[in-house]
Amino acid sequence: MEIRELLIALWPLLAFQVIMMVAALISIARRGETKKLPKLVWVMIVVFINILGPILYFMLGKGESQDNEQYRD
C-alpha cells in the first residue's frame, strides 16, 4: 500500500481528530472551571492523546453546564 492510498484511507479519521481537538480546546478556553483536573492538564490531554483526549474531556472534564455559568466573551 502506497503512502497516498494510506492517506486517502485515513483522512476521515484525521479530520475527526482535528475537529474534536479544536472543539475541546474552544470549550476549555470558554469554560470558567473544568471538572476533575485543571485546565492546563486538560489541554495537554486533548493535544497529546489522539482521539481519546477530546472524548475524555467531553465525558469527564466538561461536565454539565449550570444555569448560572456564563461563558467568557
PDB file of N, CA and C in Angstrom:
ATOM      1  N   MET A   1       0.847  -1.173   0.000  1.00  0.00           N
ATOM      2  CA  MET A   1       0.000   0.000   0.000  1.00  0.00           C
ATOM      3  C   MET A   1       0.893   1.238   0.000  1.00  0.00           C
ATOM      4  N   GLU A   2       0.667   2.109  -0.933  1.00  0.00           N
ATOM      5  CA  GLU A   2       1.454   3.326  -1.032  1.00  0.00           C
ATOM      6  C   GLU A   2       0.989   4.347  -0.006  1.00  0.00           C
ATOM      7  N   ILE A   3       1.829   5.326   0.214  1.00  0.00           N
ATOM      8  CA  ILE A   3       1.519   6.368   1.191  1.00  0.00           C
ATOM      9  C   ILE A   3       0.263   7.139   0.772  1.00  0.00           C
ATOM     10  N   ARG A   4       0.129   7.400  -0.505  1.00  0.00           N
ATOM     11  CA  ARG A   4      -1.046   8.140  -0.983  1.00  0.00           C
ATOM     12  C   ARG A   4      -2.334   7.373  -0.667  1.00  0.00           C
ATOM     13  N   GLU A   5      -2.336   6.079  -0.900  1.00  0.00           N
ATOM     14  CA  GLU A   5      -3.519   5.260  -0.599  1.00  0.00           C
ATOM     15  C   GLU A   5      -3.808   5.246   0.898  1.00  0.00           C
ATOM     16  N   LEU A   6      -2.762   5.198   1.692  1.00  0.00           N
ATOM     17  CA  LEU A   6      -2.922   5.208   3.140  1.00  0.00           C
ATOM     18  C   LEU A   6      -3.525   6.536   3.607  1.00  0.00           C
ATOM     19  N   LEU A   7      -3.043   7.649   3.075  1.00  0.00           N
ATOM     20  CA  LEU A   7      -3.582   8.954   3.447  1.00  0.00           C
ATOM     21  C   LEU A   7      -5.042   9.098   3.029  1.00  0.00           C
ATOM     22  N   ILE A   8      -5.371   8.589   1.847  1.00  0.00           N
ATOM     23  CA  ILE A   8      -6.764   8.648   1.399  1.00  0.00           C
ATOM     24  C   ILE A   8      -7.648   7.831   2.327  1.00  0.00           C
ATOM     25  N   ALA A   9      -7.168   6.707   2.775  1.00  0.00           N
ATOM     26  CA  ALA A   9      -7.952   5.850   3.665  1.00  0.00           C
ATOM     27  C   ALA A   9      -8.099   6.450   5.062  1.00  0.00           C
ATOM     28  N   LEU A  10      -7.096   7.204   5.513  1.00  0.00           N
ATOM     29  CA  LEU A  10      -7.097   7.717   6.886  1.00  0.00           C
ATOM     30  C   LEU A  10      -7.618   9.144   7.033  1.00  0.00           C
ATOM     31  N   TRP A  11      -7.894   9.849   5.937  1.00  0.00           N
ATOM     32  CA  TRP A  11      -8.280  11.252   6.075  1.00  0.00           C
ATOM     33  C   TRP A  11      -9.546  11.458   6.898  1.00  0.00           C
ATOM     34  N   PRO A  12     -10.568  10.595   6.843  1.00  0.00           N
ATOM     35  CA  PRO A  12     -11.727  10.836   7.713  1.00  0.00           C
ATOM     36  C   PRO A  12     -11.366  10.776   9.201  1.00  0.00           C
ATOM     37  N   LEU A  13     -10.497   9.853   9.564  1.00  0.00           N
ATOM     38  CA  LEU A  13     -10.065   9.750  10.948  1.00  0.00           C
ATOM     39  C   LEU A  13      -9.252  10.979  11.370  1.00  0.00           C
ATOM     40  N   LEU A  14      -8.387  11.451  10.491  1.00  0.00           N
ATOM     41  CA  LEU A  14      -7.598  12.649  10.778  1.00  0.00           C
ATOM     42  C   LEU A  14      -8.489  13.881  10.898  1.00  0.00           C
ATOM     43  N   ALA A  15      -9.468  13.997  10.016  1.00  0.00           N
ATOM     44  CA  ALA A  15     -10.397  15.128  10.081  1.00  0.00           C
ATOM     45  C   ALA A  15     -11.196  15.091  11.383  1.00  0.00           C
ATOM     46  N   PHE A  16     -11.658  13.902  11.773  1.00  0.00           N
ATOM     47  CA  PHE A  16     -12.397  13.747  13.029  1.00  0.00           C
ATOM     48  C   PHE A  16     -11.535  14.172  14.213  1.00  0.00           C
ATOM     49  N   GLN A  17     -10.283  13.762  14.222  1.00  0.00           N
ATOM     50  CA  GLN A  17      -9.367  14.107  15.304  1.00  0.00           C
ATOM     51  C   GLN A  17      -9.195  15.618  15.411  1.00  0.00           C
ATOM     52  N   VAL A  18      -8.969  16.271  14.295  1.00  0.00           N
ATOM     53  CA  VAL A  18      -8.742  17.725  14.312  1.00  0.00           C
ATOM     54  C   VAL A  18      -9.997  18.458  14.765  1.00  0.00           C
ATOM     55  N   ILE A  19     -11.152  18.064  14.271  1.00  0.00           N
ATOM     56  CA  ILE A  19     -12.403  18.717  14.657  1.00  0.00           C
ATOM     57  C   ILE A  19     -12.674  18.540  16.146  1.00  0.00           C
ATOM     58  N   MET A  20     -12.495  17.341  16.654  1.00  0.00           N
ATOM     59  CA  MET A  20     -12.708  17.091  18.087  1.00  0.00           C
ATOM     60  C   MET A  20     -11.716  17.872  18.943  1.00  0.00           C
ATOM     61  N   MET A  21     -10.456  17.930  18.513  1.00  0.00           N
ATOM     62  CA  MET A  21      -9.446  18.645  19.279  1.00  0.00           C
ATOM     63  C   MET A  21      -9.765  20.146  19.330  1.00  0.00           C
ATOM     64  N   VAL A  22     -10.117  20.721  18.196  1.00  0.00           N
ATOM     65  CA  VAL A  22     -10.437  22.153  18.158  1.00  0.00           C
ATOM     66  C   VAL A  22     -11.676  22.441  19.009  1.00  0.00           C
ATOM     67  N   ALA A  23     -12.700  21.616  18.903  1.00  0.00           N
ATOM     68  CA  ALA A  23     -13.912  21.814  19.699  1.00  0.00           C
ATOM     69  C   ALA A  23     -13.623  21.718  21.199  1.00  0.00           C
ATOM     70  N   ALA A  24     -12.807  20.762  21.587  1.00  0.00           N
ATOM     71  CA  ALA A  24     -12.462  20.611  23.004  1.00  0.00           C
ATOM     72  C   ALA A  24     -11.635  21.793  23.501  1.00  0.00           C
ATOM     73  N   LEU A  25     -10.682  22.249  22.703  1.00  0.00           N
ATOM     74  CA  LEU A  25      -9.862  23.385  23.122  1.00  0.00           C
ATOM     75  C   LEU A  25     -10.687  24.666  23.233  1.00  0.00           C
ATOM     76  N   ILE A  26     -11.635  24.869  22.328  1.00  0.00           N
ATOM     77  CA  ILE A  26     -12.521  26.029  22.430  1.00  0.00           C
ATOM     78  C   ILE A  26     -13.377  25.927  23.686  1.00  0.00           C
ATOM     79  N   SER A  27     -13.886  24.754  23.966  1.00  0.00           N
ATOM     80  CA  SER A  27     -14.700  24.553  25.157  1.00  0.00           C
ATOM     81  C   SER A  27     -13.893  24.808  26.431  1.00  0.00           C
ATOM     82  N   ILE A  28     -12.667  24.325  26.455  1.00  0.00           N
ATOM     83  CA  ILE A  28     -11.803  24.548  27.623  1.00  0.00           C
ATOM     84  C   ILE A  28     -11.533  26.042  27.802  1.00  0.00           C
ATOM     85  N   ALA A  29     -11.254  26.736  26.714  1.00  0.00           N
ATOM     86  CA  ALA A  29     -10.948  28.166  26.792  1.00  0.00           C
ATOM     87  C   ALA A  29     -12.143  28.975  27.278  1.00  0.00           C
ATOM     88  N   ARG A  30     -13.326  28.602  26.897  1.00  0.00           N
ATOM     89  CA  ARG A  30     -14.528  29.353  27.270  1.00  0.00           C
ATOM     90  C   ARG A  30     -15.048  29.017  28.654  1.00  0.00           C
ATOM     91  N   ARG A  31     -14.753  27.839  29.141  1.00  0.00           N
ATOM     92  CA  ARG A  31     -15.279  27.378  30.420  1.00  0.00           C
ATOM     93  C   ARG A  31     -14.522  28.037  31.571  1.00  0.00           C
ATOM     94  N   GLY A  32     -15.262  28.451  32.587  1.00  0.00           N
ATOM     95  CA  GLY A  32     -14.642  29.055  33.761  1.00  0.00           C
ATOM     96  C   GLY A  32     -13.769  28.069  34.513  1.00  0.00           C
ATOM     97  N   GLU A  33     -14.325  26.921  34.814  1.00  0.00           N
ATOM     98  CA  GLU A  33     -13.588  25.871  35.519  1.00  0.00           C
ATOM     99  C   GLU A  33     -13.937  24.528  34.889  1.00  0.00           C
ATOM    100  N   THR A  34     -13.007  23.593  34.996  1.00  0.00           N
ATOM    101  CA  THR A  34     -13.250  22.242  34.496  1.00  0.00           C
ATOM    102  C   THR A  34     -13.346  21.286  35.673  1.00  0.00           C
ATOM    103  N   LYS A  35     -13.947  20.138  35.421  1.00  0.00           N
ATOM    104  CA  LYS A  35     -14.092  19.139  36.476  1.00  0.00           C
ATOM    105  C   LYS A  35     -12.856  18.252  36.513  1.00  0.00           C
ATOM    106  N   LYS A  36     -12.565  17.736  37.667  1.00  0.00           N
ATOM    107  CA  LYS A  36     -11.541  16.713  37.922  1.00  0.00           C
ATOM    108  C   LYS A  36     -10.104  17.212  37.815  1.00  0.00           C
ATOM    109  N   LEU A  37      -9.738  17.955  36.772  1.00  0.00           N
ATOM    110  CA  LEU A  37      -8.355  18.385  36.562  1.00  0.00           C
ATOM    111  C   LEU A  37      -8.313  19.861  36.180  1.00  0.00           C
ATOM    112  N   PRO A  38      -7.158  20.514  36.401  1.00  0.00           N
ATOM    113  CA  PRO A  38      -7.017  21.908  35.962  1.00  0.00           C
ATOM    114  C   PRO A  38      -7.056  22.029  34.436  1.00  0.00           C
ATOM    115  N   LYS A  39      -7.357  23.230  33.973  1.00  0.00           N
ATOM    116  CA  LYS A  39      -7.466  23.486  32.533  1.00  0.00           C
ATOM    117  C   LYS A  39      -6.202  23.094  31.767  1.00  0.00           C
ATOM    118  N   LEU A  40      -5.041  23.445  32.289  1.00  0.00           N
ATOM    119  CA  LEU A  40      -3.786  23.160  31.592  1.00  0.00           C
ATOM    120  C   LEU A  40      -3.595  21.658  31.382  1.00  0.00           C
ATOM    121  N   VAL A  41      -3.955  20.865  32.360  1.00  0.00           N
ATOM    122  CA  VAL A  41      -3.837  19.412  32.227  1.00  0.00           C
ATOM    123  C   VAL A  41      -4.793  18.911  31.155  1.00  0.00           C
ATOM    124  N   TRP A  42      -6.020  19.447  31.118  1.00  0.00           N
ATOM    125  CA  TRP A  42      -6.967  19.041  30.076  1.00  0.00           C
ATOM    126  C   TRP A  42      -6.460  19.422  28.697  1.00  0.00           C
ATOM    127  N   VAL A  43      -5.851  20.591  28.567  1.00  0.00           N
ATOM    128  CA  VAL A  43      -5.288  20.994  27.273  1.00  0.00           C
ATOM    129  C   VAL A  43      -4.220  20.001  26.843  1.00  0.00           C
ATOM    130  N   MET A  44      -3.351  19.611  27.749  1.00  0.00           N
ATOM    131  CA  MET A  44      -2.302  18.653  27.412  1.00  0.00           C
ATOM    132  C   MET A  44      -2.885  17.300  27.017  1.00  0.00           C
ATOM    133  N   ILE A  45      -3.907  16.851  27.727  1.00  0.00           N
ATOM    134  CA  ILE A  45      -4.551  15.575  27.401  1.00  0.00           C
ATOM    135  C   ILE A  45      -5.188  15.642  26.014  1.00  0.00           C
ATOM    136  N   VAL A  46      -5.893  16.721  25.741  1.00  0.00           N
ATOM    137  CA  VAL A  46      -6.573  16.873  24.449  1.00  0.00           C
ATOM    138  C   VAL A  46      -5.571  16.916  23.305  1.00  0.00           C
ATOM    139  N   VAL A  47      -4.462  17.612  23.494  1.00  0.00           N
ATOM    140  CA  VAL A  47      -3.486  17.776  22.413  1.00  0.00           C
ATOM    141  C   VAL A  47      -2.639  16.518  22.212  1.00  0.00           C
ATOM    142  N   PHE A  48      -2.229  15.874  23.284  1.00  0.00           N
ATOM    143  CA  PHE A  48      -1.255  14.790  23.162  1.00  0.00           C
ATOM    144  C   PHE A  48      -1.844  13.380  23.104  1.00  0.00           C
ATOM    145  N   ILE A  49      -3.088  13.206  23.502  1.00  0.00           N
ATOM    146  CA  ILE A  49      -3.687  11.870  23.433  1.00  0.00           C
ATOM    147  C   ILE A  49      -4.702  11.893  22.288  1.00  0.00           C
ATOM    148  N   ASN A  50      -4.284  11.422  21.147  1.00  0.00           N
ATOM    149  CA  ASN A  50      -5.100  11.484  19.937  1.00  0.00           C
ATOM    150  C   ASN A  50      -6.428  10.768  20.114  1.00  0.00           C
ATOM    151  N   ILE A  51      -7.450  11.369  19.608  1.00  0.00           N
ATOM    152  CA  ILE A  51      -8.840  10.912  19.580  1.00  0.00           C
ATOM    153  C   ILE A  51      -9.413  10.706  20.982  1.00  0.00           C
ATOM    154  N   LEU A  52      -8.731   9.964  21.833  1.00  0.00           N
ATOM    155  CA  LEU A  52      -9.263   9.710  23.175  1.00  0.00           C
ATOM    156  C   LEU A  52      -9.215  10.937  24.081  1.00  0.00           C
ATOM    157  N   GLY A  53      -8.247  11.826  23.894  1.00  0.00           N
ATOM    158  CA  GLY A  53      -8.134  13.015  24.730  1.00  0.00           C
ATOM    159  C   GLY A  53      -9.378  13.890  24.693  1.00  0.00           C
ATOM    160  N   PRO A  54      -9.819  14.306  23.498  1.00  0.00           N
ATOM    161  CA  PRO A  54     -11.045  15.111  23.441  1.00  0.00           C
ATOM    162  C   PRO A  54     -12.276  14.364  23.953  1.00  0.00           C
ATOM    163  N   ILE A  55     -12.360  13.081  23.671  1.00  0.00           N
ATOM    164  CA  ILE A  55     -13.505  12.298  24.144  1.00  0.00           C
ATOM    165  C   ILE A  55     -13.505  12.239  25.669  1.00  0.00           C
ATOM    166  N   LEU A  56     -12.340  12.023  26.268  1.00  0.00           N
ATOM    167  CA  LEU A  56     -12.248  12.020  27.731  1.00  0.00           C
ATOM    168  C   LEU A  56     -12.655  13.360  28.314  1.00  0.00           C
ATOM    169  N   TYR A  57     -12.220  14.453  27.673  1.00  0.00           N
ATOM    170  CA  TYR A  57     -12.590  15.776  28.176  1.00  0.00           C
ATOM    171  C   TYR A  57     -14.100  15.956  28.147  1.00  0.00           C
ATOM    172  N   PHE A  58     -14.738  15.634  27.017  1.00  0.00           N
ATOM    173  CA  PHE A  58     -16.184  15.833  26.918  1.00  0.00           C
ATOM    174  C   PHE A  58     -16.953  14.921  27.868  1.00  0.00           C
ATOM    175  N   MET A  59     -16.412  13.752  28.173  1.00  0.00           N
ATOM    176  CA  MET A  59     -17.097  12.832  29.084  1.00  0.00           C
ATOM    177  C   MET A  59     -16.843  13.171  30.554  1.00  0.00           C
ATOM    178  N   LEU A  60     -15.605  13.526  30.893  1.00  0.00           N
ATOM    179  CA  LEU A  60     -15.243  13.686  32.301  1.00  0.00           C
ATOM    180  C   LEU A  60     -14.970  15.125  32.724  1.00  0.00           C
ATOM    181  N   GLY A  61     -14.361  15.907  31.872  1.00  0.00           N
ATOM    182  CA  GLY A  61     -13.899  17.229  32.269  1.00  0.00           C
ATOM    183  C   GLY A  61     -14.905  18.333  32.105  1.00  0.00           C
ATOM    184  N   LYS A  62     -15.723  18.236  31.077  1.00  0.00           N
ATOM    185  CA  LYS A  62     -16.673  19.309  30.805  1.00  0.00           C
ATOM    186  C   LYS A  62     -17.808  19.288  31.803  1.00  0.00           C
ATOM    187  N   GLY A  63     -18.362  18.144  32.030  1.00  0.00           N
ATOM    188  CA  GLY A  63     -19.459  18.030  32.973  1.00  0.00           C
ATOM    189  C   GLY A  63     -20.708  18.722  32.454  1.00  0.00           C
ATOM    190  N   GLU A  64     -21.646  18.914  33.330  1.00  0.00           N
ATOM    191  CA  GLU A  64     -22.909  19.556  32.985  1.00  0.00           C
ATOM    192  C   GLU A  64     -22.774  21.055  33.183  1.00  0.00           C
ATOM    193  N   SER A  65     -23.331  21.828  32.259  1.00  0.00           N
ATOM    194  CA  SER A  65     -23.295  23.280  32.438  1.00  0.00           C
ATOM    195  C   SER A  65     -24.389  23.671  33.421  1.00  0.00           C
ATOM    196  N   GLN A  66     -24.075  24.630  34.244  1.00  0.00           N
ATOM    197  CA  GLN A  66     -25.020  25.087  35.243  1.00  0.00           C
ATOM    198  C   GLN A  66     -25.746  26.305  34.695  1.00  0.00           C
ATOM    199  N   ASP A  67     -26.934  26.573  35.227  1.00  0.00           N
ATOM    200  CA  ASP A  67     -27.727  27.697  34.741  1.00  0.00           C
ATOM    201  C   ASP A  67     -27.021  29.025  34.972  1.00  0.00           C
ATOM    202  N   ASN A  68     -26.290  29.153  36.076  1.00  0.00           N
ATOM    203  CA  ASN A  68     -25.643  30.420  36.375  1.00  0.00           C
ATOM    204  C   ASN A  68     -24.259  30.544  35.750  1.00  0.00           C
ATOM    205  N   GLU A  69     -23.803  29.531  35.048  1.00  0.00           N
ATOM    206  CA  GLU A  69     -22.487  29.563  34.406  1.00  0.00           C
ATOM    207  C   GLU A  69     -22.571  30.322  33.098  1.00  0.00           C
ATOM    208  N   GLN A  70     -21.658  31.275  32.917  1.00  0.00           N
ATOM    209  CA  GLN A  70     -21.635  32.044  31.683  1.00  0.00           C
ATOM    210  C   GLN A  70     -20.265  31.899  31.047  1.00  0.00           C
ATOM    211  N   TYR A  71     -20.260  31.802  29.736  1.00  0.00           N
ATOM    212  CA  TYR A  71     -19.002  31.741  29.023  1.00  0.00           C
ATOM    213  C   TYR A  71     -18.422  33.142  28.906  1.00  0.00           C
ATOM    214  N   ARG A  72     -17.080  33.183  28.891  1.00  0.00           N
ATOM    215  CA  ARG A  72     -16.412  34.461  28.703  1.00  0.00           C
ATOM    216  C   ARG A  72     -16.410  34.803  27.223  1.00  0.00           C
ATOM    217  N   ASP A  73     -16.567  36.069  26.917  1.00  0.00           N
ATOM    218  CA  ASP A  73     -16.503  36.514  25.518  1.00  0.00           C
ATOM    219  C   ASP A  73     -15.130  36.966  25.158  1.00  0.00           C
TER     220      ASP A  73
END
